[in-house]
Protein backbone atom coordinates (compact mmCIF):
# COMPACT_ATOMS: atom_id res chain seq x y z
CA MET A 1 -12.07 40.50 28.55
CA ALA A 2 -9.61 41.22 25.72
CA TYR A 3 -7.27 38.57 27.12
CA ASP A 4 -10.06 35.95 27.01
CA VAL A 5 -10.87 36.86 23.42
CA MET A 6 -7.22 36.50 22.44
CA ILE A 7 -7.00 33.08 24.10
CA TYR A 8 -10.20 32.02 22.32
CA ILE A 9 -8.82 33.16 18.96
CA ILE A 10 -5.54 31.33 19.60
CA CYS A 11 -7.46 28.16 20.49
CA ILE A 12 -9.52 28.38 17.30
CA TYR A 13 -6.38 28.98 15.25
CA SER A 14 -4.64 26.03 16.92
CA GLU A 15 -7.60 23.75 16.21
CA ARG A 16 -7.66 24.82 12.56
CA GLU A 17 -3.93 24.27 12.26
CA LEU A 18 -4.26 20.82 13.86
CA LYS A 19 -7.08 19.89 11.48
CA GLN A 20 -5.01 21.10 8.52
CA ILE A 21 -2.05 18.97 9.62
CA GLN A 22 -4.30 15.94 10.07
CA TYR A 23 -5.79 16.49 6.61
CA GLU A 24 -2.33 16.76 5.03
CA TRP A 25 -1.20 13.53 6.70
CA GLN A 26 -4.35 11.76 5.54
CA GLN A 27 -3.63 12.86 1.98
CA ALA A 28 -0.01 11.73 2.26
CA THR A 29 -1.01 8.30 3.57
CA ARG A 30 -3.55 7.92 0.76
CA VAL A 31 -0.84 8.66 -1.82
CA ILE A 32 1.53 6.17 -0.19
CA ASP A 33 -1.25 3.58 -0.02
CA ARG A 34 -2.00 3.99 -3.72
CA LEU A 35 1.69 3.71 -4.63
CA VAL A 36 2.04 0.51 -2.63
CA MET A 37 -1.13 -0.88 -4.20
CA PHE A 38 0.01 -0.12 -7.76
CA GLY A 39 3.45 -1.56 -6.99
CA TYR A 40 1.86 -4.75 -5.70
CA ILE A 41 -0.39 -5.01 -8.76
CA ALA A 42 2.55 -4.44 -11.12
CA ALA A 43 4.68 -7.03 -9.31
CA THR A 44 1.84 -9.55 -9.38
CA ILE A 45 1.23 -9.04 -13.10
CA ALA A 46 4.96 -9.26 -13.87
CA PHE A 47 5.39 -12.44 -11.84
CA ALA A 48 2.29 -14.08 -13.35
CA THR A 49 3.42 -13.14 -16.85
CA TYR A 50 6.87 -14.57 -16.21
CA MET A 51 5.49 -17.80 -14.79
CA LEU A 52 2.92 -18.30 -17.53
CA ALA A 53 4.73 -17.02 -20.61
CA TRP A 54 8.45 -17.53 -20.17
CA HIS A 55 8.57 -20.64 -18.05
CA ASN A 56 8.92 -23.03 -21.00
CA GLU A 57 9.79 -26.17 -19.09
CA GLU A 58 7.07 -28.66 -19.82
CA LEU A 59 5.79 -30.44 -16.75
CA THR A 60 4.68 -34.01 -17.20
CA LEU A 61 3.39 -35.96 -14.27
CA THR A 62 4.73 -39.46 -14.35
CA ASP A 63 4.95 -42.12 -11.69
CA GLU A 64 8.63 -41.27 -11.18
CA VAL A 65 7.89 -37.60 -10.58
CA MET A 66 5.10 -38.45 -8.14
CA ASP A 67 7.34 -40.90 -6.26
CA GLN A 68 10.05 -38.22 -5.95
CA ALA A 69 7.49 -35.75 -4.64
CA LYS A 70 6.34 -38.21 -1.97
CA ALA A 71 9.88 -38.86 -0.75
């Protein structure tokens, strides 16, 4: 009887510990996901800003440019 109770308590403790580990990993993956998302957003904004603001070469579409693009 006492042995069965001890096994039951150990099983409950193991389940709680497993749930705690799963919860901690879920939190860690959420943090990593947010970091990746913010990094992607920052890189996208930086690239768009560079392309729109500091890319001063004026592009004019002429027949020569279009012929070179076709070739």
